[in-house]
């Protein structure tokens, strides 16, 4: 599946570039994206379970619309016994880091491991992390640009569904 959109790719400085690429996976720094997306779970703390659940729900819709697998990485501090938890819901993969490990470490490892299969896109506002993913052969997006891409894709999907339903109603009424 091809993804088309504006992504801020960080190299020596931030700049927008038109990407027309086949992505094998989108790697999301969960807390970085939550901090940049205040509309999710209004009135809730950015690190709350409600905010995480809303992010997962929204990215599941995006994955369904785009067909590109999404993995969301969260720092696992504060989890019971510091054990990593793979809490995948639906088809979006959700991973928590172990004690002494960060979500950034996991994103770097995933970017390296997916390299033979194609390009990955890392979504984070951490400039050092974006540099690392790019050095591993991947692409990187700022959270703001990715949010715009997700919202545009979901709005376009909603419009497509409305148009399809309108056509179906019209077709049904014609046969009556």
N, C-alpha and C. Protein backbone atom coordinates (compact mmCIF):
# COMPACT_ATOMS: atom_id res chain seq x y z
N UNK A 1 0.85 -1.17 0.00
CA UNK A 1 0.00 0.00 0.00
C UNK A 1 0.89 1.22 0.00
N UNK A 2 0.57 2.18 -0.80
CA UNK A 2 1.32 3.43 -0.84
C UNK A 2 0.68 4.44 0.09
N UNK A 3 1.52 5.19 0.75
CA UNK A 3 1.02 6.27 1.58
C UNK A 3 1.49 7.57 0.96
N UNK A 4 0.58 8.49 0.84
CA UNK A 4 0.92 9.79 0.28
C UNK A 4 0.59 10.82 1.34
N UNK A 5 1.48 11.73 1.57
CA UNK A 5 1.20 12.77 2.55
C UNK A 5 2.41 13.61 2.82
N UNK A 6 2.18 14.61 3.61
CA UNK A 6 3.26 15.50 4.02
C UNK A 6 3.79 15.01 5.35
N UNK A 7 5.07 14.76 5.41
CA UNK A 7 5.71 14.39 6.66
C UNK A 7 6.91 15.31 6.86
N UNK A 8 7.12 15.69 8.07
CA UNK A 8 8.31 16.47 8.39
C UNK A 8 9.43 15.47 8.63
N UNK A 9 10.38 15.45 7.77
CA UNK A 9 11.49 14.53 7.90
C UNK A 9 12.65 15.30 8.49
N UNK A 10 13.16 14.82 9.59
CA UNK A 10 14.22 15.52 10.29
C UNK A 10 15.55 14.93 9.87
N UNK A 11 16.42 15.77 9.36
CA UNK A 11 17.80 15.37 9.12
C UNK A 11 18.65 16.38 9.86
N UNK A 12 19.30 17.32 9.18
CA UNK A 12 20.04 18.34 9.90
C UNK A 12 19.10 19.44 10.36
N UNK A 13 17.95 19.55 9.75
CA UNK A 13 16.91 20.48 10.17
C UNK A 13 15.56 19.92 9.74
N UNK A 14 14.49 20.46 10.29
CA UNK A 14 13.16 19.97 9.91
C UNK A 14 12.78 20.57 8.57
N UNK A 15 12.23 19.76 7.70
CA UNK A 15 11.73 20.24 6.42
C UNK A 15 10.66 19.28 5.95
N UNK A 16 9.73 19.81 5.23
CA UNK A 16 8.63 19.00 4.73
C UNK A 16 9.00 18.47 3.36
N UNK A 17 8.67 17.24 3.11
CA UNK A 17 8.96 16.62 1.83
C UNK A 17 7.78 15.72 1.45
N UNK A 18 7.48 15.68 0.21
CA UNK A 18 6.41 14.82 -0.29
C UNK A 18 6.95 13.41 -0.40
N UNK A 19 6.32 12.50 0.29
CA UNK A 19 6.75 11.12 0.26
C UNK A 19 5.73 10.28 -0.49
N UNK A 20 6.19 9.47 -1.37
CA UNK A 20 5.37 8.52 -2.09
C UNK A 20 6.10 7.20 -1.95
N UNK A 21 5.78 6.46 -0.90
CA UNK A 21 6.57 5.29 -0.59
C UNK A 21 5.69 4.15 -0.13
N UNK A 22 6.25 2.97 -0.19
CA UNK A 22 5.58 1.81 0.37
C UNK A 22 6.14 1.60 1.77
N UNK A 23 5.29 1.73 2.76
CA UNK A 23 5.72 1.54 4.14
C UNK A 23 5.36 0.13 4.60
N UNK A 24 6.25 -0.49 5.35
CA UNK A 24 5.94 -1.80 5.90
C UNK A 24 5.35 -1.66 7.30
N UNK A 25 5.62 -0.55 7.98
CA UNK A 25 5.09 -0.36 9.32
C UNK A 25 5.31 1.08 9.76
N UNK A 26 4.37 1.55 10.59
CA UNK A 26 4.50 2.85 11.24
C UNK A 26 4.79 2.59 12.70
N UNK A 27 5.89 3.16 13.20
CA UNK A 27 6.32 2.98 14.58
C UNK A 27 6.03 4.28 15.33
N UNK A 28 5.16 4.23 16.33
CA UNK A 28 4.69 5.43 17.01
C UNK A 28 5.21 5.48 18.44
N UNK A 29 5.84 6.60 18.79
CA UNK A 29 6.20 6.87 20.18
C UNK A 29 4.92 7.36 20.85
N UNK A 30 4.27 6.47 21.58
CA UNK A 30 2.93 6.73 22.10
C UNK A 30 2.81 7.98 22.95
N UNK A 31 3.69 8.17 23.93
CA UNK A 31 3.56 9.33 24.80
C UNK A 31 3.93 10.61 24.09
N UNK A 32 4.85 10.55 23.16
CA UNK A 32 5.19 11.75 22.37
C UNK A 32 3.97 12.19 21.56
N UNK A 33 3.28 11.24 20.94
CA UNK A 33 2.10 11.57 20.16
C UNK A 33 0.96 12.06 21.06
N UNK A 34 0.78 11.45 22.22
CA UNK A 34 -0.26 11.90 23.15
C UNK A 34 -0.04 13.35 23.58
N UNK A 35 1.20 13.72 23.84
CA UNK A 35 1.48 15.09 24.26
C UNK A 35 1.19 16.10 23.15
N UNK A 36 1.28 15.68 21.92
CA UNK A 36 1.05 16.57 20.79
C UNK A 36 -0.40 16.59 20.31
N UNK A 37 -1.24 15.74 20.88
CA UNK A 37 -2.61 15.59 20.40
C UNK A 37 -3.59 15.86 21.55
N UNK A 38 -3.74 17.12 21.93
CA UNK A 38 -4.55 17.45 23.11
C UNK A 38 -6.04 17.14 22.94
N UNK A 39 -6.51 16.97 21.72
CA UNK A 39 -7.93 16.69 21.50
C UNK A 39 -8.33 15.28 21.96
N UNK A 40 -7.35 14.41 22.11
CA UNK A 40 -7.65 13.05 22.56
C UNK A 40 -7.95 13.08 24.06
N UNK A 41 -9.04 12.48 24.46
CA UNK A 41 -9.41 12.33 25.87
C UNK A 41 -9.30 13.65 26.63
N UNK A 42 -10.00 14.64 26.13
CA UNK A 42 -10.00 15.96 26.80
C UNK A 42 -10.32 15.82 28.28
N UNK A 43 -9.59 16.58 29.08
CA UNK A 43 -9.81 16.57 30.52
C UNK A 43 -9.13 15.42 31.24
N UNK A 44 -8.43 14.59 30.52
CA UNK A 44 -7.71 13.46 31.12
C UNK A 44 -6.22 13.73 31.05
N UNK A 45 -5.48 13.16 31.97
CA UNK A 45 -4.02 13.29 31.96
C UNK A 45 -3.46 12.62 30.72
N UNK A 46 -2.40 13.17 30.19
CA UNK A 46 -1.79 12.63 28.97
C UNK A 46 -1.31 11.20 29.16
N UNK A 47 -0.94 10.81 30.37
CA UNK A 47 -0.44 9.45 30.62
C UNK A 47 -1.54 8.53 31.14
N UNK A 48 -2.79 8.97 31.11
CA UNK A 48 -3.88 8.16 31.65
C UNK A 48 -4.24 7.01 30.71
N UNK A 49 -4.86 6.00 31.30
CA UNK A 49 -5.32 4.86 30.51
C UNK A 49 -6.35 5.31 29.47
N UNK A 50 -7.19 6.29 29.84
CA UNK A 50 -8.21 6.78 28.90
C UNK A 50 -7.57 7.43 27.68
N UNK A 51 -6.51 8.22 27.90
CA UNK A 51 -5.81 8.86 26.78
C UNK A 51 -5.14 7.81 25.90
N UNK A 52 -4.49 6.83 26.52
CA UNK A 52 -3.86 5.75 25.74
C UNK A 52 -4.90 4.99 24.92
N UNK A 53 -6.02 4.67 25.55
CA UNK A 53 -7.08 3.93 24.85
C UNK A 53 -7.63 4.71 23.66
N UNK A 54 -7.81 6.01 23.82
CA UNK A 54 -8.32 6.83 22.72
C UNK A 54 -7.29 6.90 21.58
N UNK A 55 -6.01 7.00 21.93
CA UNK A 55 -4.96 7.00 20.91
C UNK A 55 -4.97 5.68 20.15
N UNK A 56 -5.08 4.59 20.87
CA UNK A 56 -5.11 3.27 20.23
C UNK A 56 -6.33 3.15 19.33
N UNK A 57 -7.48 3.62 19.80
CA UNK A 57 -8.71 3.56 19.00
C UNK A 57 -8.56 4.36 17.71
N UNK A 58 -8.02 5.57 17.83
CA UNK A 58 -7.87 6.44 16.65
C UNK A 58 -6.87 5.85 15.66
N UNK A 59 -5.76 5.31 16.16
CA UNK A 59 -4.76 4.73 15.25
C UNK A 59 -5.24 3.41 14.65
N UNK A 60 -6.14 2.71 15.33
CA UNK A 60 -6.75 1.52 14.74
C UNK A 60 -7.61 1.92 13.55
N UNK A 61 -8.37 2.98 13.69
CA UNK A 61 -9.17 3.48 12.57
C UNK A 61 -8.26 3.88 11.41
N UNK A 62 -7.15 4.55 11.73
CA UNK A 62 -6.22 4.97 10.69
C UNK A 62 -5.61 3.75 9.99
N UNK A 63 -5.22 2.75 10.76
CA UNK A 63 -4.66 1.55 10.15
C UNK A 63 -5.67 0.87 9.25
N UNK A 64 -6.92 0.82 9.68
CA UNK A 64 -7.97 0.24 8.84
C UNK A 64 -8.14 1.02 7.55
N UNK A 65 -8.03 2.35 7.62
CA UNK A 65 -8.19 3.19 6.43
C UNK A 65 -6.99 3.11 5.50
N UNK A 66 -5.79 3.02 6.06
CA UNK A 66 -4.58 3.07 5.23
C UNK A 66 -4.06 1.70 4.83
N UNK A 67 -4.33 0.69 5.64
CA UNK A 67 -3.81 -0.64 5.38
C UNK A 67 -2.37 -0.82 5.81
N UNK A 68 -1.80 0.16 6.48
CA UNK A 68 -0.40 0.08 6.91
C UNK A 68 -0.37 -0.33 8.38
N UNK A 69 0.35 -1.41 8.71
CA UNK A 69 0.43 -1.84 10.11
C UNK A 69 1.04 -0.75 11.00
N UNK A 70 0.48 -0.62 12.21
CA UNK A 70 0.93 0.38 13.17
C UNK A 70 1.33 -0.32 14.46
N UNK A 71 2.47 0.07 15.00
CA UNK A 71 2.90 -0.38 16.31
C UNK A 71 3.08 0.86 17.19
N UNK A 72 2.45 0.84 18.36
CA UNK A 72 2.56 1.95 19.31
C UNK A 72 3.43 1.48 20.47
N UNK A 73 4.45 2.28 20.78
CA UNK A 73 5.37 1.95 21.86
C UNK A 73 5.16 2.92 23.01
N UNK A 74 5.03 2.38 24.23
CA UNK A 74 4.91 3.20 25.44
C UNK A 74 6.04 2.83 26.39
N UNK A 75 6.55 3.83 27.10
CA UNK A 75 7.48 3.55 28.18
C UNK A 75 6.70 2.81 29.24
N UNK A 76 7.28 1.74 29.78
CA UNK A 76 6.55 0.87 30.69
C UNK A 76 6.71 1.18 32.16
N UNK A 77 7.35 2.31 32.51
CA UNK A 77 7.47 2.58 33.94
C UNK A 77 6.09 2.71 34.57
N UNK A 78 6.01 2.21 35.76
CA UNK A 78 4.75 2.26 36.46
C UNK A 78 3.87 1.05 36.23
N UNK A 79 4.30 0.14 35.39
CA UNK A 79 3.53 -1.08 35.18
C UNK A 79 3.79 -2.05 36.34
N UNK A 80 2.85 -2.89 36.67
CA UNK A 80 3.05 -3.83 37.76
C UNK A 80 4.28 -4.70 37.53
N UNK A 81 5.14 -4.77 38.51
CA UNK A 81 6.35 -5.59 38.48
C UNK A 81 7.31 -5.22 37.35
N UNK A 82 7.07 -4.12 36.66
CA UNK A 82 7.97 -3.68 35.59
C UNK A 82 8.06 -4.66 34.44
N UNK A 83 7.08 -5.55 34.30
CA UNK A 83 7.12 -6.53 33.22
C UNK A 83 6.59 -5.93 31.93
N UNK A 84 7.19 -6.29 30.80
CA UNK A 84 6.67 -5.79 29.54
C UNK A 84 5.30 -6.41 29.25
N UNK A 85 4.46 -5.62 28.66
CA UNK A 85 3.11 -6.10 28.33
C UNK A 85 2.87 -5.86 26.85
N UNK A 86 2.47 -6.90 26.16
CA UNK A 86 2.05 -6.74 24.77
C UNK A 86 0.53 -6.70 24.81
N UNK A 87 -0.02 -5.53 24.67
CA UNK A 87 -1.47 -5.35 24.79
C UNK A 87 -2.08 -5.00 23.45
N UNK A 88 -1.88 -5.84 22.48
CA UNK A 88 -2.39 -5.54 21.15
C UNK A 88 -3.90 -5.64 21.14
N UNK A 89 -4.52 -4.64 20.52
CA UNK A 89 -5.98 -4.59 20.42
C UNK A 89 -6.31 -4.50 18.95
N UNK A 90 -7.14 -5.40 18.53
CA UNK A 90 -7.46 -5.40 17.11
C UNK A 90 -6.21 -5.75 16.33
N UNK A 91 -5.90 -4.95 15.36
CA UNK A 91 -4.73 -5.24 14.56
C UNK A 91 -3.60 -4.24 14.80
N UNK A 92 -3.80 -3.28 15.71
CA UNK A 92 -2.72 -2.37 16.09
C UNK A 92 -1.93 -3.03 17.20
N UNK A 93 -0.62 -3.07 17.04
CA UNK A 93 0.24 -3.67 18.04
C UNK A 93 0.60 -2.61 19.08
N UNK A 94 0.45 -2.94 20.36
CA UNK A 94 0.76 -2.01 21.44
C UNK A 94 1.79 -2.68 22.34
N UNK A 95 2.95 -2.03 22.49
CA UNK A 95 4.04 -2.60 23.28
C UNK A 95 4.49 -1.62 24.35
N UNK A 96 4.81 -2.16 25.54
CA UNK A 96 5.34 -1.38 26.65
C UNK A 96 6.77 -1.84 26.91
N UNK A 97 7.64 -0.90 27.20
CA UNK A 97 9.03 -1.24 27.45
C UNK A 97 9.19 -1.88 28.83
N UNK A 98 10.28 -2.62 28.98
CA UNK A 98 10.63 -3.21 30.27
C UNK A 98 11.29 -2.15 31.15
N UNK A 99 11.45 -2.50 32.40
CA UNK A 99 12.18 -1.63 33.31
C UNK A 99 13.62 -1.50 32.80
N UNK A 100 14.14 -0.29 32.77
CA UNK A 100 15.49 -0.05 32.29
C UNK A 100 15.57 0.09 30.78
N UNK A 101 14.46 0.03 30.10
CA UNK A 101 14.41 0.15 28.65
C UNK A 101 13.41 1.27 28.34
N UNK A 102 13.59 1.94 27.22
CA UNK A 102 12.67 3.00 26.83
C UNK A 102 11.93 2.61 25.56
N UNK A 103 10.87 3.33 25.29
CA UNK A 103 10.15 3.14 24.03
C UNK A 103 11.08 3.46 22.87
N UNK A 104 11.96 4.46 23.04
CA UNK A 104 12.92 4.80 21.98
C UNK A 104 13.81 3.61 21.64
N UNK A 105 14.28 2.88 22.65
CA UNK A 105 15.11 1.70 22.40
C UNK A 105 14.35 0.69 21.55
N UNK A 106 13.09 0.50 21.87
CA UNK A 106 12.29 -0.47 21.14
C UNK A 106 12.02 -0.01 19.71
N UNK A 107 11.79 1.28 19.52
CA UNK A 107 11.57 1.82 18.18
C UNK A 107 12.82 1.62 17.33
N UNK A 108 13.99 1.90 17.89
CA UNK A 108 15.25 1.72 17.16
C UNK A 108 15.44 0.26 16.77
N UNK A 109 15.17 -0.65 17.69
CA UNK A 109 15.32 -2.07 17.40
C UNK A 109 14.36 -2.50 16.30
N UNK A 110 13.11 -2.02 16.37
CA UNK A 110 12.12 -2.37 15.34
C UNK A 110 12.53 -1.80 13.98
N UNK A 111 13.00 -0.55 13.96
CA UNK A 111 13.43 0.06 12.69
C UNK A 111 14.55 -0.76 12.06
N UNK A 112 15.47 -1.21 12.88
CA UNK A 112 16.59 -2.03 12.39
C UNK A 112 16.09 -3.38 11.87
N UNK A 113 15.19 -4.02 12.60
CA UNK A 113 14.71 -5.35 12.22
C UNK A 113 13.81 -5.34 10.99
N UNK A 114 13.07 -4.25 10.79
CA UNK A 114 12.19 -4.18 9.62
C UNK A 114 12.92 -3.73 8.36
N UNK A 115 14.13 -3.26 8.49
CA UNK A 115 14.87 -2.71 7.34
C UNK A 115 14.89 -3.63 6.13
N UNK A 116 15.13 -4.94 6.28
CA UNK A 116 15.17 -5.80 5.10
C UNK A 116 13.82 -5.91 4.37
N UNK A 117 12.73 -5.55 5.02
CA UNK A 117 11.40 -5.74 4.45
C UNK A 117 10.84 -4.50 3.78
N UNK A 118 11.49 -3.36 3.99
CA UNK A 118 11.01 -2.12 3.41
C UNK A 118 11.18 -0.97 4.38
N UNK A 119 10.53 0.12 4.07
CA UNK A 119 10.72 1.33 4.86
C UNK A 119 9.72 1.41 6.01
N UNK A 120 10.23 1.90 7.14
CA UNK A 120 9.38 2.16 8.29
C UNK A 120 9.31 3.67 8.49
N UNK A 121 8.25 4.10 9.13
CA UNK A 121 8.07 5.51 9.47
C UNK A 121 7.98 5.60 10.98
N UNK A 122 8.87 6.36 11.60
CA UNK A 122 8.82 6.58 13.04
C UNK A 122 8.13 7.92 13.29
N UNK A 123 7.19 7.92 14.21
CA UNK A 123 6.45 9.13 14.56
C UNK A 123 6.84 9.53 15.97
N UNK A 124 7.56 10.65 16.08
CA UNK A 124 8.01 11.14 17.37
C UNK A 124 8.44 12.59 17.24
N UNK A 125 8.41 13.30 18.35
CA UNK A 125 8.94 14.66 18.36
C UNK A 125 10.35 14.71 18.94
N UNK A 126 10.91 13.56 19.24
CA UNK A 126 12.27 13.46 19.76
C UNK A 126 13.24 13.51 18.57
N UNK A 127 13.94 14.63 18.44
CA UNK A 127 14.83 14.82 17.28
C UNK A 127 15.95 13.79 17.22
N UNK A 128 16.51 13.42 18.36
CA UNK A 128 17.58 12.41 18.38
C UNK A 128 17.04 11.06 17.89
N UNK A 129 15.82 10.74 18.29
CA UNK A 129 15.20 9.48 17.86
C UNK A 129 14.94 9.49 16.36
N UNK A 130 14.47 10.62 15.84
CA UNK A 130 14.23 10.71 14.40
C UNK A 130 15.54 10.57 13.64
N UNK A 131 16.62 11.20 14.13
CA UNK A 131 17.94 11.05 13.51
C UNK A 131 18.36 9.58 13.46
N UNK A 132 18.16 8.88 14.58
CA UNK A 132 18.58 7.49 14.67
C UNK A 132 17.81 6.63 13.67
N UNK A 133 16.50 6.81 13.59
CA UNK A 133 15.69 6.01 12.67
C UNK A 133 16.10 6.29 11.23
N UNK A 134 16.34 7.55 10.91
CA UNK A 134 16.78 7.90 9.55
C UNK A 134 18.14 7.26 9.26
N UNK A 135 19.05 7.24 10.25
CA UNK A 135 20.36 6.62 10.04
C UNK A 135 20.22 5.11 9.84
N UNK A 136 19.14 4.53 10.33
CA UNK A 136 18.88 3.09 10.15
C UNK A 136 18.14 2.81 8.85
N UNK A 137 17.89 3.85 8.04
CA UNK A 137 17.26 3.65 6.74
C UNK A 137 15.77 3.89 6.72
N UNK A 138 15.21 4.37 7.82
CA UNK A 138 13.78 4.63 7.87
C UNK A 138 13.47 6.09 7.60
N UNK A 139 12.22 6.44 7.78
CA UNK A 139 11.76 7.82 7.66
C UNK A 139 11.20 8.23 9.01
N UNK A 140 11.07 9.53 9.21
CA UNK A 140 10.55 10.03 10.47
C UNK A 140 9.58 11.16 10.21
N UNK A 141 8.61 11.27 11.10
CA UNK A 141 7.60 12.32 11.01
C UNK A 141 7.46 12.98 12.37
N UNK A 142 7.23 14.27 12.34
CA UNK A 142 6.87 14.93 13.59
C UNK A 142 5.47 14.49 13.96
N UNK A 143 5.14 14.60 15.21
CA UNK A 143 3.80 14.20 15.67
C UNK A 143 2.73 15.07 15.02
N UNK A 144 2.95 16.37 14.95
CA UNK A 144 1.96 17.27 14.37
C UNK A 144 1.61 16.87 12.94
N UNK A 145 2.62 16.60 12.13
CA UNK A 145 2.37 16.22 10.73
C UNK A 145 1.63 14.89 10.64
N UNK A 146 1.97 13.96 11.51
CA UNK A 146 1.29 12.66 11.50
C UNK A 146 -0.17 12.82 11.93
N UNK A 147 -0.41 13.66 12.93
CA UNK A 147 -1.78 13.92 13.37
C UNK A 147 -2.60 14.47 12.21
N UNK A 148 -2.04 15.40 11.46
CA UNK A 148 -2.74 15.96 10.30
C UNK A 148 -3.04 14.86 9.27
N UNK A 149 -2.08 13.98 9.04
CA UNK A 149 -2.27 12.89 8.10
C UNK A 149 -3.39 11.96 8.56
N UNK A 150 -3.38 11.61 9.84
CA UNK A 150 -4.42 10.72 10.39
C UNK A 150 -5.79 11.38 10.28
N UNK A 151 -5.89 12.63 10.71
CA UNK A 151 -7.18 13.32 10.67
C UNK A 151 -7.69 13.47 9.24
N UNK A 152 -6.81 13.77 8.30
CA UNK A 152 -7.22 13.89 6.89
C UNK A 152 -7.69 12.55 6.34
N UNK A 153 -6.96 11.48 6.65
CA UNK A 153 -7.34 10.15 6.16
C UNK A 153 -8.70 9.73 6.73
N UNK A 154 -8.92 10.00 8.01
CA UNK A 154 -10.19 9.62 8.63
C UNK A 154 -11.34 10.46 8.10
N UNK A 155 -11.09 11.74 7.84
CA UNK A 155 -12.13 12.59 7.25
C UNK A 155 -12.46 12.13 5.84
N UNK A 156 -11.43 11.77 5.07
CA UNK A 156 -11.65 11.28 3.70
C UNK A 156 -12.42 9.96 3.72
N UNK A 157 -12.09 9.10 4.66
CA UNK A 157 -12.81 7.83 4.78
C UNK A 157 -14.27 8.09 5.13
N UNK A 158 -14.52 9.01 6.05
CA UNK A 158 -15.90 9.36 6.40
C UNK A 158 -16.67 9.89 5.21
N UNK A 159 -16.03 10.74 4.41
CA UNK A 159 -16.67 11.26 3.20
C UNK A 159 -16.97 10.14 2.21
N UNK A 160 -16.03 9.22 2.05
CA UNK A 160 -16.24 8.09 1.13
C UNK A 160 -17.42 7.23 1.59
N UNK A 161 -17.52 7.01 2.88
CA UNK A 161 -18.63 6.20 3.41
C UNK A 161 -19.96 6.91 3.19
N UNK A 162 -20.00 8.23 3.44
CA UNK A 162 -21.23 8.99 3.21
C UNK A 162 -21.64 8.93 1.74
N UNK A 163 -20.68 9.10 0.83
CA UNK A 163 -20.97 9.05 -0.60
C UNK A 163 -21.46 7.66 -1.01
N UNK A 164 -20.82 6.63 -0.49
CA UNK A 164 -21.24 5.27 -0.81
C UNK A 164 -22.67 5.02 -0.32
N UNK A 165 -22.94 5.43 0.91
CA UNK A 165 -24.29 5.24 1.46
C UNK A 165 -25.34 6.01 0.67
N UNK A 166 -25.00 7.22 0.24
CA UNK A 166 -25.91 8.02 -0.56
C UNK A 166 -26.20 7.32 -1.89
N UNK A 167 -25.16 6.79 -2.53
CA UNK A 167 -25.35 6.07 -3.79
C UNK A 167 -26.20 4.81 -3.59
N UNK A 168 -25.97 4.11 -2.50
CA UNK A 168 -26.75 2.90 -2.22
C UNK A 168 -28.22 3.25 -1.98
N UNK A 169 -28.47 4.31 -1.22
CA UNK A 169 -29.86 4.72 -0.99
C UNK A 169 -30.53 5.10 -2.30
N UNK A 170 -29.80 5.84 -3.13
CA UNK A 170 -30.34 6.25 -4.43
C UNK A 170 -30.63 5.02 -5.30
N UNK A 171 -29.72 4.08 -5.31
CA UNK A 171 -29.91 2.87 -6.10
C UNK A 171 -31.09 2.06 -5.59
N UNK A 172 -31.22 1.97 -4.29
CA UNK A 172 -32.33 1.22 -3.69
C UNK A 172 -33.67 1.89 -4.00
N UNK A 173 -33.71 3.21 -3.91
CA UNK A 173 -34.95 3.93 -4.16
C UNK A 173 -35.36 3.83 -5.63
N UNK A 174 -34.39 3.75 -6.51
CA UNK A 174 -34.69 3.63 -7.94
C UNK A 174 -35.38 2.30 -8.23
N UNK A 175 -35.04 1.24 -7.51
CA UNK A 175 -35.60 -0.08 -7.76
C UNK A 175 -36.95 -0.26 -7.11
N UNK A 176 -37.36 0.62 -6.26
CA UNK A 176 -38.65 0.47 -5.55
C UNK A 176 -39.77 0.76 -6.44
